[in-house]
Amino acid sequence: MSRVAEKQRTTKETDVFARINLDGSGQANIATGIGFLDHMLDLFAKHGLFDLEVRCTGDLHIDDHHSVEDIGITLGQAFAEALGDKQGIVRFGAAYVPMDETLARAVVDLSGRAFVVYRVENPRERISDLAVEMVEHFWRSFVGEVKCNLHIEVFYGANQHHIIEAVFKSSARSLAEATRFSARITGVMSTKGTL
């Protein structure tokens, strides 16, 4: 079964294309116009073992808000479509990721319900061309389309780059775990019979 999907989202503010293969090898081709976000999506692909292509042309002359939001939405839509009916997947995933002085944890439930807990202290307002507040907004936009529970927490950290990198790596690894198949699971992992 191929778990590949692509989505295009075009508005007056952005033009976004996202393609994901949940069973890839971590290959990425990212061009969002926001260098630091490119770096984060590249490592999201690598550590989730997702093959990922994301392109965005956005109104960056205004700010990064519309681009980051629409990338989160479009990638979330592609991720959700690639998941399909969720038959045989583990459903839950959790990952701790250290990044030097930083320790992050992400826990996910591919439940069909969107909910985000984001407990991350941000010592800086910007990293290069990305407003740090947009990282949380990216995850909220992504989760709204995937319809999953995602709990992200950074226990400690000082370097803003390390903090955000640990967030993306732990989220990728938890999603990779939740999307994996188990031969022991018949149907979906729910007493309701649906996710």
N, C-alpha and C. Protein backbone atom coordinates (compact mmCIF):
# COMPACT_ATOMS: atom_id res chain seq x y z
N MET A 1 0.84 -1.19 0.00
CA MET A 1 0.00 0.00 0.00
C MET A 1 0.88 1.24 0.00
N SER A 2 0.64 2.11 -0.94
CA SER A 2 1.42 3.35 -1.04
C SER A 2 0.81 4.41 -0.13
N ARG A 3 1.65 4.97 0.73
CA ARG A 3 1.18 6.04 1.62
C ARG A 3 1.86 7.34 1.21
N VAL A 4 1.45 7.79 0.03
CA VAL A 4 2.00 9.00 -0.58
C VAL A 4 0.83 9.91 -0.91
N ALA A 5 1.01 11.20 -0.65
CA ALA A 5 -0.03 12.16 -1.02
C ALA A 5 0.60 13.51 -1.30
N GLU A 6 -0.06 14.27 -2.12
CA GLU A 6 0.38 15.64 -2.39
C GLU A 6 -0.82 16.57 -2.40
N LYS A 7 -0.56 17.81 -1.98
CA LYS A 7 -1.60 18.83 -1.92
C LYS A 7 -1.06 20.15 -2.43
N GLN A 8 -1.93 20.92 -3.05
CA GLN A 8 -1.61 22.27 -3.50
C GLN A 8 -2.61 23.21 -2.84
N ARG A 9 -2.12 24.31 -2.29
CA ARG A 9 -2.99 25.32 -1.69
C ARG A 9 -2.58 26.67 -2.26
N THR A 10 -3.51 27.33 -2.93
CA THR A 10 -3.23 28.62 -3.53
C THR A 10 -4.24 29.65 -3.03
N THR A 11 -3.72 30.72 -2.45
CA THR A 11 -4.56 31.83 -1.99
C THR A 11 -3.96 33.12 -2.53
N LYS A 12 -4.53 34.25 -2.17
CA LYS A 12 -3.96 35.53 -2.56
C LYS A 12 -2.67 35.83 -1.80
N GLU A 13 -2.40 35.05 -0.74
CA GLU A 13 -1.22 35.28 0.09
C GLU A 13 -0.07 34.32 -0.18
N THR A 14 -0.42 33.07 -0.55
CA THR A 14 0.61 32.05 -0.74
C THR A 14 0.23 31.07 -1.84
N ASP A 15 1.24 30.38 -2.33
CA ASP A 15 1.07 29.24 -3.22
C ASP A 15 1.97 28.14 -2.67
N VAL A 16 1.34 27.08 -2.13
CA VAL A 16 2.08 26.04 -1.42
C VAL A 16 1.82 24.69 -2.08
N PHE A 17 2.89 23.92 -2.25
CA PHE A 17 2.80 22.53 -2.69
C PHE A 17 3.50 21.66 -1.66
N ALA A 18 2.86 20.57 -1.26
CA ALA A 18 3.47 19.62 -0.33
C ALA A 18 3.22 18.21 -0.81
N ARG A 19 4.27 17.41 -0.78
CA ARG A 19 4.18 15.98 -1.12
C ARG A 19 4.93 15.20 -0.06
N ILE A 20 4.29 14.13 0.45
CA ILE A 20 4.92 13.31 1.50
C ILE A 20 4.74 11.84 1.21
N ASN A 21 5.78 11.08 1.49
CA ASN A 21 5.74 9.63 1.47
C ASN A 21 6.05 9.19 2.89
N LEU A 22 5.06 8.64 3.59
CA LEU A 22 5.25 8.25 4.98
C LEU A 22 6.22 7.10 5.14
N ASP A 23 6.45 6.34 4.08
CA ASP A 23 7.33 5.18 4.12
C ASP A 23 8.60 5.42 3.32
N GLY A 24 9.12 6.63 3.42
CA GLY A 24 10.30 7.01 2.65
C GLY A 24 11.58 6.68 3.37
N SER A 25 12.63 7.41 2.98
CA SER A 25 13.96 7.20 3.56
C SER A 25 14.56 8.49 4.12
N GLY A 26 13.74 9.54 4.20
CA GLY A 26 14.20 10.80 4.77
C GLY A 26 14.73 11.79 3.76
N GLN A 27 14.39 11.60 2.48
CA GLN A 27 14.82 12.53 1.44
C GLN A 27 13.94 13.78 1.46
N ALA A 28 14.55 14.93 1.24
CA ALA A 28 13.78 16.18 1.30
C ALA A 28 14.20 17.14 0.19
N ASN A 29 13.21 17.86 -0.31
CA ASN A 29 13.42 18.94 -1.27
C ASN A 29 12.53 20.09 -0.82
N ILE A 30 13.12 21.03 -0.09
CA ILE A 30 12.35 22.07 0.59
C ILE A 30 12.77 23.45 0.08
N ALA A 31 11.78 24.26 -0.26
CA ALA A 31 12.04 25.65 -0.66
C ALA A 31 10.83 26.49 -0.27
N THR A 32 10.87 27.05 0.94
CA THR A 32 9.73 27.81 1.44
C THR A 32 9.93 29.32 1.36
N GLY A 33 11.15 29.75 1.09
CA GLY A 33 11.47 31.17 1.14
C GLY A 33 11.87 31.61 2.53
N ILE A 34 11.79 30.70 3.51
CA ILE A 34 12.18 30.99 4.90
C ILE A 34 13.27 29.98 5.25
N GLY A 35 14.50 30.44 5.24
CA GLY A 35 15.64 29.55 5.36
C GLY A 35 15.62 28.66 6.60
N PHE A 36 15.29 29.23 7.75
CA PHE A 36 15.29 28.42 8.97
C PHE A 36 14.19 27.38 8.95
N LEU A 37 13.03 27.71 8.37
CA LEU A 37 11.95 26.72 8.24
C LEU A 37 12.37 25.61 7.28
N ASP A 38 13.08 25.96 6.21
CA ASP A 38 13.61 24.93 5.30
C ASP A 38 14.45 23.93 6.08
N HIS A 39 15.32 24.45 6.93
CA HIS A 39 16.19 23.60 7.75
C HIS A 39 15.37 22.68 8.66
N MET A 40 14.33 23.22 9.29
CA MET A 40 13.51 22.43 10.20
C MET A 40 12.71 21.35 9.45
N LEU A 41 12.18 21.67 8.29
CA LEU A 41 11.43 20.68 7.51
C LEU A 41 12.37 19.61 6.94
N ASP A 42 13.59 20.01 6.60
CA ASP A 42 14.58 19.04 6.13
C ASP A 42 14.88 18.02 7.22
N LEU A 43 15.08 18.48 8.44
CA LEU A 43 15.38 17.52 9.51
C LEU A 43 14.12 16.79 9.98
N PHE A 44 12.94 17.39 9.80
CA PHE A 44 11.69 16.67 10.05
C PHE A 44 11.60 15.45 9.14
N ALA A 45 11.93 15.64 7.86
CA ALA A 45 11.93 14.52 6.92
C ALA A 45 12.97 13.48 7.30
N LYS A 46 14.17 13.92 7.59
CA LYS A 46 15.27 13.00 7.90
C LYS A 46 14.97 12.14 9.13
N HIS A 47 14.50 12.77 10.21
CA HIS A 47 14.31 12.05 11.46
C HIS A 47 12.98 11.30 11.53
N GLY A 48 12.04 11.65 10.65
CA GLY A 48 10.80 10.88 10.55
C GLY A 48 10.87 9.81 9.48
N LEU A 49 11.96 9.81 8.70
CA LEU A 49 12.11 8.93 7.54
C LEU A 49 10.96 9.11 6.56
N PHE A 50 10.53 10.37 6.43
CA PHE A 50 9.52 10.74 5.45
C PHE A 50 10.22 11.32 4.23
N ASP A 51 9.82 10.94 3.03
CA ASP A 51 10.25 11.67 1.85
C ASP A 51 9.33 12.87 1.71
N LEU A 52 9.91 14.04 1.61
CA LEU A 52 9.13 15.27 1.72
C LEU A 52 9.56 16.29 0.69
N GLU A 53 8.58 16.84 0.02
CA GLU A 53 8.81 17.98 -0.88
C GLU A 53 7.85 19.08 -0.46
N VAL A 54 8.37 20.27 -0.23
CA VAL A 54 7.55 21.43 0.12
C VAL A 54 8.08 22.63 -0.65
N ARG A 55 7.17 23.30 -1.35
CA ARG A 55 7.51 24.55 -2.05
C ARG A 55 6.48 25.61 -1.65
N CYS A 56 6.96 26.80 -1.44
CA CYS A 56 6.05 27.89 -1.10
C CYS A 56 6.56 29.20 -1.70
N THR A 57 5.64 29.90 -2.32
CA THR A 57 5.85 31.29 -2.71
C THR A 57 4.83 32.10 -1.92
N GLY A 58 5.32 32.97 -1.05
CA GLY A 58 4.40 33.70 -0.18
C GLY A 58 4.72 35.17 -0.09
N ASP A 59 3.85 35.89 0.59
CA ASP A 59 3.99 37.34 0.73
C ASP A 59 4.95 37.68 1.87
N LEU A 60 6.19 37.25 1.71
CA LEU A 60 7.20 37.48 2.76
C LEU A 60 7.57 38.94 2.90
N HIS A 61 7.17 39.77 1.95
CA HIS A 61 7.40 41.21 2.09
C HIS A 61 6.51 41.78 3.21
N ILE A 62 5.46 41.04 3.58
CA ILE A 62 4.61 41.44 4.71
C ILE A 62 5.22 40.88 5.98
N ASP A 63 5.23 39.55 6.09
CA ASP A 63 5.94 38.84 7.15
C ASP A 63 5.87 37.35 6.85
N ASP A 64 6.25 36.51 7.82
CA ASP A 64 6.30 35.08 7.57
C ASP A 64 5.02 34.34 7.98
N HIS A 65 4.05 35.06 8.53
CA HIS A 65 2.86 34.42 9.10
C HIS A 65 2.09 33.59 8.07
N HIS A 66 1.71 34.20 6.96
CA HIS A 66 0.88 33.50 5.98
C HIS A 66 1.59 32.28 5.42
N SER A 67 2.87 32.41 5.13
CA SER A 67 3.62 31.28 4.57
C SER A 67 3.70 30.12 5.56
N VAL A 68 4.08 30.41 6.80
CA VAL A 68 4.23 29.34 7.79
C VAL A 68 2.88 28.66 8.05
N GLU A 69 1.84 29.44 8.20
CA GLU A 69 0.51 28.88 8.44
C GLU A 69 0.07 27.99 7.29
N ASP A 70 0.20 28.48 6.05
CA ASP A 70 -0.28 27.72 4.90
C ASP A 70 0.58 26.50 4.62
N ILE A 71 1.86 26.56 4.94
CA ILE A 71 2.70 25.37 4.83
C ILE A 71 2.23 24.31 5.84
N GLY A 72 1.95 24.73 7.07
CA GLY A 72 1.43 23.80 8.08
C GLY A 72 0.12 23.16 7.64
N ILE A 73 -0.78 23.97 7.09
CA ILE A 73 -2.08 23.47 6.62
C ILE A 73 -1.88 22.47 5.48
N THR A 74 -1.11 22.85 4.48
CA THR A 74 -0.95 22.02 3.28
C THR A 74 -0.22 20.73 3.60
N LEU A 75 0.84 20.81 4.40
CA LEU A 75 1.56 19.60 4.80
C LEU A 75 0.66 18.71 5.64
N GLY A 76 -0.14 19.30 6.52
CA GLY A 76 -1.08 18.52 7.32
C GLY A 76 -2.11 17.80 6.46
N GLN A 77 -2.61 18.47 5.43
CA GLN A 77 -3.57 17.84 4.52
C GLN A 77 -2.94 16.66 3.79
N ALA A 78 -1.71 16.84 3.32
CA ALA A 78 -1.02 15.75 2.63
C ALA A 78 -0.75 14.59 3.58
N PHE A 79 -0.31 14.90 4.79
CA PHE A 79 -0.04 13.86 5.79
C PHE A 79 -1.30 13.06 6.09
N ALA A 80 -2.41 13.75 6.29
CA ALA A 80 -3.69 13.09 6.60
C ALA A 80 -4.13 12.18 5.45
N GLU A 81 -4.00 12.66 4.22
CA GLU A 81 -4.40 11.84 3.08
C GLU A 81 -3.49 10.62 2.95
N ALA A 82 -2.19 10.80 3.18
CA ALA A 82 -1.26 9.68 3.08
C ALA A 82 -1.55 8.61 4.14
N LEU A 83 -2.03 9.03 5.31
CA LEU A 83 -2.39 8.09 6.37
C LEU A 83 -3.51 7.14 5.96
N GLY A 84 -4.40 7.62 5.11
CA GLY A 84 -5.52 6.80 4.67
C GLY A 84 -6.46 6.47 5.81
N ASP A 85 -6.92 5.22 5.86
CA ASP A 85 -7.92 4.83 6.86
C ASP A 85 -7.32 4.40 8.19
N LYS A 86 -6.00 4.45 8.31
CA LYS A 86 -5.27 4.16 9.55
C LYS A 86 -5.36 2.70 9.99
N GLN A 87 -5.76 1.82 9.07
CA GLN A 87 -5.82 0.40 9.37
C GLN A 87 -4.42 -0.13 9.68
N GLY A 88 -4.27 -0.79 10.81
CA GLY A 88 -3.03 -1.47 11.14
C GLY A 88 -1.92 -0.62 11.71
N ILE A 89 -2.16 0.69 11.87
CA ILE A 89 -1.08 1.53 12.41
C ILE A 89 -1.11 1.52 13.93
N VAL A 90 0.03 1.80 14.52
CA VAL A 90 0.19 1.79 15.97
C VAL A 90 -0.64 2.88 16.65
N ARG A 91 -0.81 4.01 16.00
CA ARG A 91 -1.63 5.14 16.43
C ARG A 91 -0.92 6.09 17.38
N PHE A 92 -0.22 5.59 18.39
CA PHE A 92 0.45 6.44 19.37
C PHE A 92 1.95 6.45 19.12
N GLY A 93 2.57 7.58 19.42
CA GLY A 93 4.03 7.67 19.32
C GLY A 93 4.55 8.68 20.31
N ALA A 94 5.76 8.43 20.79
CA ALA A 94 6.40 9.35 21.74
C ALA A 94 7.90 9.35 21.48
N ALA A 95 8.52 10.51 21.65
CA ALA A 95 9.96 10.60 21.45
C ALA A 95 10.54 11.71 22.32
N TYR A 96 11.64 11.38 22.96
CA TYR A 96 12.48 12.37 23.64
C TYR A 96 13.67 12.63 22.74
N VAL A 97 14.02 13.91 22.58
CA VAL A 97 15.19 14.27 21.77
C VAL A 97 16.02 15.32 22.52
N PRO A 98 17.29 15.00 22.80
CA PRO A 98 18.19 16.01 23.34
C PRO A 98 18.87 16.76 22.19
N MET A 99 19.18 18.00 22.42
CA MET A 99 19.98 18.79 21.49
C MET A 99 20.91 19.63 22.35
N ASP A 100 22.07 19.08 22.62
CA ASP A 100 23.03 19.70 23.54
C ASP A 100 22.36 20.00 24.89
N GLU A 101 22.17 21.27 25.22
CA GLU A 101 21.64 21.63 26.54
C GLU A 101 20.11 21.53 26.62
N THR A 102 19.47 21.17 25.52
CA THR A 102 18.01 21.16 25.41
C THR A 102 17.48 19.73 25.44
N LEU A 103 16.32 19.54 26.07
CA LEU A 103 15.62 18.26 26.02
C LEU A 103 14.15 18.50 25.72
N ALA A 104 13.67 17.86 24.64
CA ALA A 104 12.28 18.01 24.21
C ALA A 104 11.59 16.65 24.17
N ARG A 105 10.29 16.69 24.35
CA ARG A 105 9.47 15.48 24.22
C ARG A 105 8.25 15.81 23.36
N ALA A 106 7.91 14.90 22.46
CA ALA A 106 6.67 15.01 21.69
C ALA A 106 5.92 13.69 21.81
N VAL A 107 4.62 13.80 22.04
CA VAL A 107 3.75 12.63 22.16
C VAL A 107 2.55 12.86 21.24
N VAL A 108 2.23 11.85 20.42
CA VAL A 108 1.15 12.01 19.44
C VAL A 108 0.17 10.86 19.52
N ASP A 109 -1.09 11.19 19.25
CA ASP A 109 -2.16 10.21 19.10
C ASP A 109 -2.90 10.56 17.81
N LEU A 110 -2.86 9.66 16.83
CA LEU A 110 -3.54 9.89 15.56
C LEU A 110 -5.02 9.52 15.72
N SER A 111 -5.69 10.27 16.55
CA SER A 111 -7.01 9.94 17.08
C SER A 111 -8.17 10.37 16.21
N GLY A 112 -7.93 11.26 15.26
CA GLY A 112 -9.04 11.86 14.52
C GLY A 112 -9.58 13.11 15.20
N ARG A 113 -8.92 13.52 16.28
CA ARG A 113 -9.31 14.74 17.01
C ARG A 113 -8.10 15.66 17.10
N ALA A 114 -8.29 16.93 16.82
CA ALA A 114 -7.19 17.89 16.83
C ALA A 114 -7.07 18.54 18.20
N PHE A 115 -5.87 18.40 18.80
CA PHE A 115 -5.59 19.07 20.06
C PHE A 115 -4.08 19.23 20.20
N VAL A 116 -3.65 20.42 20.59
CA VAL A 116 -2.23 20.70 20.75
C VAL A 116 -1.96 21.21 22.16
N VAL A 117 -0.95 20.66 22.79
CA VAL A 117 -0.37 21.23 24.00
C VAL A 117 1.06 21.61 23.62
N TYR A 118 1.41 22.87 23.80
CA TYR A 118 2.72 23.37 23.37
C TYR A 118 3.34 24.12 24.54
N ARG A 119 4.24 23.46 25.24
CA ARG A 119 4.90 24.05 26.41
C ARG A 119 6.37 24.26 26.09
N VAL A 120 6.65 25.41 25.50
CA VAL A 120 8.00 25.72 25.04
C VAL A 120 8.32 27.16 25.42
N GLU A 121 9.37 27.33 26.20
CA GLU A 121 9.86 28.67 26.52
C GLU A 121 10.76 29.14 25.37
N ASN A 122 10.58 30.38 24.95
CA ASN A 122 11.36 30.91 23.83
C ASN A 122 12.18 32.11 24.29
N PRO A 123 13.50 31.95 24.43
CA PRO A 123 14.33 33.06 24.90
C PRO A 123 14.56 34.16 23.86
N ARG A 124 14.26 33.88 22.59
CA ARG A 124 14.44 34.89 21.54
C ARG A 124 13.17 35.03 20.72
N GLU A 125 13.03 36.18 20.07
CA GLU A 125 11.85 36.42 19.24
C GLU A 125 12.03 35.93 17.81
N ARG A 126 13.26 35.88 17.33
CA ARG A 126 13.51 35.47 15.95
C ARG A 126 14.71 34.54 15.87
N ILE A 127 14.65 33.65 14.91
CA ILE A 127 15.83 32.89 14.48
C ILE A 127 15.96 33.18 13.00
N SER A 128 16.96 33.94 12.64
CA SER A 128 17.18 34.32 11.26
C SER A 128 15.90 34.95 10.70
N ASP A 129 15.28 34.32 9.69
CA ASP A 129 14.11 34.91 9.03
C ASP A 129 12.79 34.34 9.53
N LEU A 130 12.80 33.65 10.66
CA LEU A 130 11.58 33.06 11.20
C LEU A 130 11.25 33.66 12.57
N ALA A 131 10.02 34.17 12.71
CA ALA A 131 9.54 34.60 14.02
C ALA A 131 9.28 33.34 14.86
N VAL A 132 9.88 33.29 16.03
CA VAL A 132 9.81 32.09 16.86
C VAL A 132 8.37 31.72 17.22
N GLU A 133 7.49 32.72 17.40
CA GLU A 133 6.10 32.43 17.73
C GLU A 133 5.41 31.63 16.62
N MET A 134 5.95 31.66 15.42
CA MET A 134 5.33 30.95 14.30
C MET A 134 5.55 29.44 14.36
N VAL A 135 6.49 28.99 15.17
CA VAL A 135 6.71 27.54 15.30
C VAL A 135 5.48 26.89 15.92
N GLU A 136 4.98 27.46 17.00
CA GLU A 136 3.75 26.93 17.59
C GLU A 136 2.60 27.01 16.60
N HIS A 137 2.51 28.11 15.86
CA HIS A 137 1.43 28.28 14.90
C HIS A 137 1.53 27.24 13.78
N PHE A 138 2.75 26.91 13.36
CA PHE A 138 2.94 25.85 12.36
C PHE A 138 2.34 24.54 12.85
N TRP A 139 2.68 24.16 14.09
CA TRP A 139 2.20 22.87 14.61
C TRP A 139 0.69 22.88 14.80
N ARG A 140 0.13 24.00 15.22
CA ARG A 140 -1.33 24.07 15.37
C ARG A 140 -2.02 23.95 14.00
N SER A 141 -1.45 24.56 12.97
CA SER A 141 -2.01 24.48 11.62
C SER A 141 -1.91 23.04 11.09
N PHE A 142 -0.78 22.40 11.30
CA PHE A 142 -0.55 21.01 10.88
C PHE A 142 -1.53 20.07 11.58
N VAL A 143 -1.62 20.18 12.89
CA VAL A 143 -2.48 19.29 13.68
C VAL A 143 -3.95 19.47 13.32
N GLY A 144 -4.36 20.69 13.02
CA GLY A 144 -5.74 20.94 12.64
C GLY A 144 -6.17 20.16 11.41
N GLU A 145 -5.23 19.88 10.52
CA GLU A 145 -5.53 19.12 9.30
C GLU A 145 -5.34 17.62 9.50
N VAL A 146 -4.30 17.23 10.23
CA VAL A 146 -4.07 15.80 10.48
C VAL A 146 -5.13 15.25 11.43
N LYS A 147 -5.66 16.12 12.30
CA LYS A 147 -6.63 15.74 13.32
C LYS A 147 -6.02 14.70 14.26
N CYS A 148 -4.97 15.16 14.92
CA CYS A 148 -4.31 14.32 15.91
C CYS A 148 -4.12 15.12 17.20
N ASN A 149 -3.80 14.43 18.27
CA ASN A 149 -3.34 15.08 19.49
C ASN A 149 -1.83 15.17 19.40
N LEU A 150 -1.27 16.33 19.67
CA LEU A 150 0.19 16.48 19.69
C LEU A 150 0.56 17.30 20.93
N HIS A 151 1.34 16.68 21.80
CA HIS A 151 1.81 17.34 23.02
C HIS A 151 3.32 17.52 22.89
N ILE A 152 3.75 18.77 22.90
CA ILE A 152 5.17 19.10 22.76
C ILE A 152 5.60 19.84 24.02
N GLU A 153 6.70 19.40 24.59
CA GLU A 153 7.21 20.05 25.78
C GLU A 153 8.74 20.10 25.73
N VAL A 154 9.29 21.26 26.02
CA VAL A 154 10.73 21.39 26.19
C VAL A 154 10.99 21.54 27.68
N PHE A 155 11.71 20.59 28.24
CA PHE A 155 11.95 20.57 29.68
C PHE A 155 12.95 21.63 30.10
N TYR A 156 13.97 21.83 29.26
CA TYR A 156 14.96 22.88 29.51
C TYR A 156 15.74 23.11 28.23
N GLY A 157 16.33 24.29 28.15
CA GLY A 157 17.12 24.66 26.99
C GLY A 157 17.43 26.14 27.04
N ALA A 158 18.50 26.54 26.39
CA ALA A 158 18.91 27.94 26.40
C ALA A 158 19.05 28.50 25.00
N ASN A 159 19.55 27.71 24.08
CA ASN A 159 19.80 28.15 22.71
C ASN A 159 18.53 27.98 21.89
N GLN A 160 18.03 29.08 21.33
CA GLN A 160 16.75 29.02 20.61
C GLN A 160 16.79 28.07 19.42
N HIS A 161 17.89 28.05 18.71
CA HIS A 161 18.03 27.12 17.58
C HIS A 161 17.88 25.68 18.07
N HIS A 162 18.57 25.34 19.15
CA HIS A 162 18.50 23.99 19.69
C HIS A 162 17.08 23.65 20.15
N ILE A 163 16.40 24.60 20.76
CA ILE A 163 15.04 24.38 21.25
C ILE A 163 14.10 24.01 20.10
N ILE A 164 14.11 24.82 19.06
CA ILE A 164 13.20 24.57 17.93
C ILE A 164 13.60 23.29 17.20
N GLU A 165 14.88 23.06 17.06
CA GLU A 165 15.34 21.83 16.38
C GLU A 165 14.89 20.60 17.16
N ALA A 166 15.00 20.62 18.47
CA ALA A 166 14.55 19.48 19.28
C ALA A 166 13.05 19.27 19.16
N VAL A 167 12.29 20.37 19.03
CA VAL A 167 10.84 20.28 18.84
C VAL A 167 10.53 19.56 17.54
N PHE A 168 11.18 19.95 16.45
CA PHE A 168 10.89 19.33 15.15
C PHE A 168 11.36 17.88 15.11
N LYS A 169 12.53 17.59 15.68
CA LYS A 169 13.03 16.21 15.66
C LYS A 169 12.15 15.30 16.50
N SER A 170 11.77 15.72 17.69
CA SER A 170 10.94 14.87 18.53
C SER A 170 9.56 14.67 17.92
N SER A 171 9.02 15.70 17.31
CA SER A 171 7.72 15.57 16.64
C SER A 171 7.80 14.60 15.47
N ALA A 172 8.85 14.70 14.69
CA ALA A 172 9.04 13.80 13.56
C ALA A 172 9.13 12.36 14.02
N ARG A 173 9.92 12.12 15.05
CA ARG A 173 10.13 10.75 15.53
C ARG A 173 8.85 10.17 16.15
N SER A 174 8.08 11.00 16.85
CA SER A 174 6.84 10.50 17.43
C SER A 174 5.82 10.19 16.33
N LEU A 175 5.75 11.02 15.30
CA LEU A 175 4.85 10.76 14.18
C LEU A 175 5.27 9.52 13.40
N ALA A 176 6.57 9.33 13.24
CA ALA A 176 7.06 8.13 12.55
C ALA A 176 6.65 6.88 13.31
N GLU A 177 6.76 6.93 14.63
CA GLU A 177 6.37 5.77 15.45
C GLU A 177 4.87 5.51 15.35
N ALA A 178 4.07 6.56 15.42
CA ALA A 178 2.61 6.41 15.40
C ALA A 178 2.09 5.89 14.07
N THR A 179 2.80 6.19 12.98
CA THR A 179 2.33 5.78 11.65
C THR A 179 2.81 4.40 11.24
N ARG A 180 3.67 3.78 12.04
CA ARG A 180 4.20 2.47 11.63
C ARG A 180 3.12 1.40 11.77
N PHE A 181 3.25 0.36 10.96
CA PHE A 181 2.32 -0.75 10.99
C PHE A 181 2.76 -1.79 12.01
N SER A 182 1.78 -2.51 12.56
CA SER A 182 2.05 -3.67 13.40
C SER A 182 1.20 -4.82 12.89
N ALA A 183 1.84 -5.97 12.66
CA ALA A 183 1.12 -7.16 12.19
C ALA A 183 0.12 -7.65 13.23
N ARG A 184 0.28 -7.22 14.47
CA ARG A 184 -0.60 -7.66 15.55
C ARG A 184 -1.93 -6.89 15.57
N ILE A 185 -2.01 -5.80 14.80
CA ILE A 185 -3.21 -4.96 14.84
C ILE A 185 -4.12 -5.33 13.67
N THR A 186 -5.38 -5.65 14.01
CA THR A 186 -6.40 -5.90 13.00
C THR A 186 -7.33 -4.70 12.99
N GLY A 187 -7.57 -4.15 11.82
CA GLY A 187 -8.41 -2.96 11.73
C GLY A 187 -7.68 -1.74 12.28
N VAL A 188 -8.43 -0.91 13.00
CA VAL A 188 -7.82 0.28 13.59
C VAL A 188 -7.65 0.08 15.10
N MET A 189 -6.68 0.77 15.67
CA MET A 189 -6.37 0.65 17.09
C MET A 189 -7.33 1.51 17.90
N SER A 190 -8.59 1.07 17.94
CA SER A 190 -9.62 1.80 18.68
C SER A 190 -10.78 0.88 19.00
N THR A 191 -11.30 0.97 20.21
CA THR A 191 -12.48 0.19 20.56
C THR A 191 -13.73 0.71 19.86
N LYS A 192 -13.65 1.92 19.30
CA LYS A 192 -14.77 2.48 18.54
C LYS A 192 -14.88 1.85 17.17
N GLY A 193 -13.75 1.30 16.67
CA GLY A 193 -13.73 0.73 15.33
C GLY A 193 -13.43 1.75 14.25
N THR A 194 -13.15 2.99 14.66
CA THR A 194 -12.81 4.04 13.70
C THR A 194 -11.91 5.05 14.36
N LEU A 195 -11.08 5.68 13.54
CA LEU A 195 -10.24 6.77 14.01
C LEU A 195 -10.56 7.99 13.16
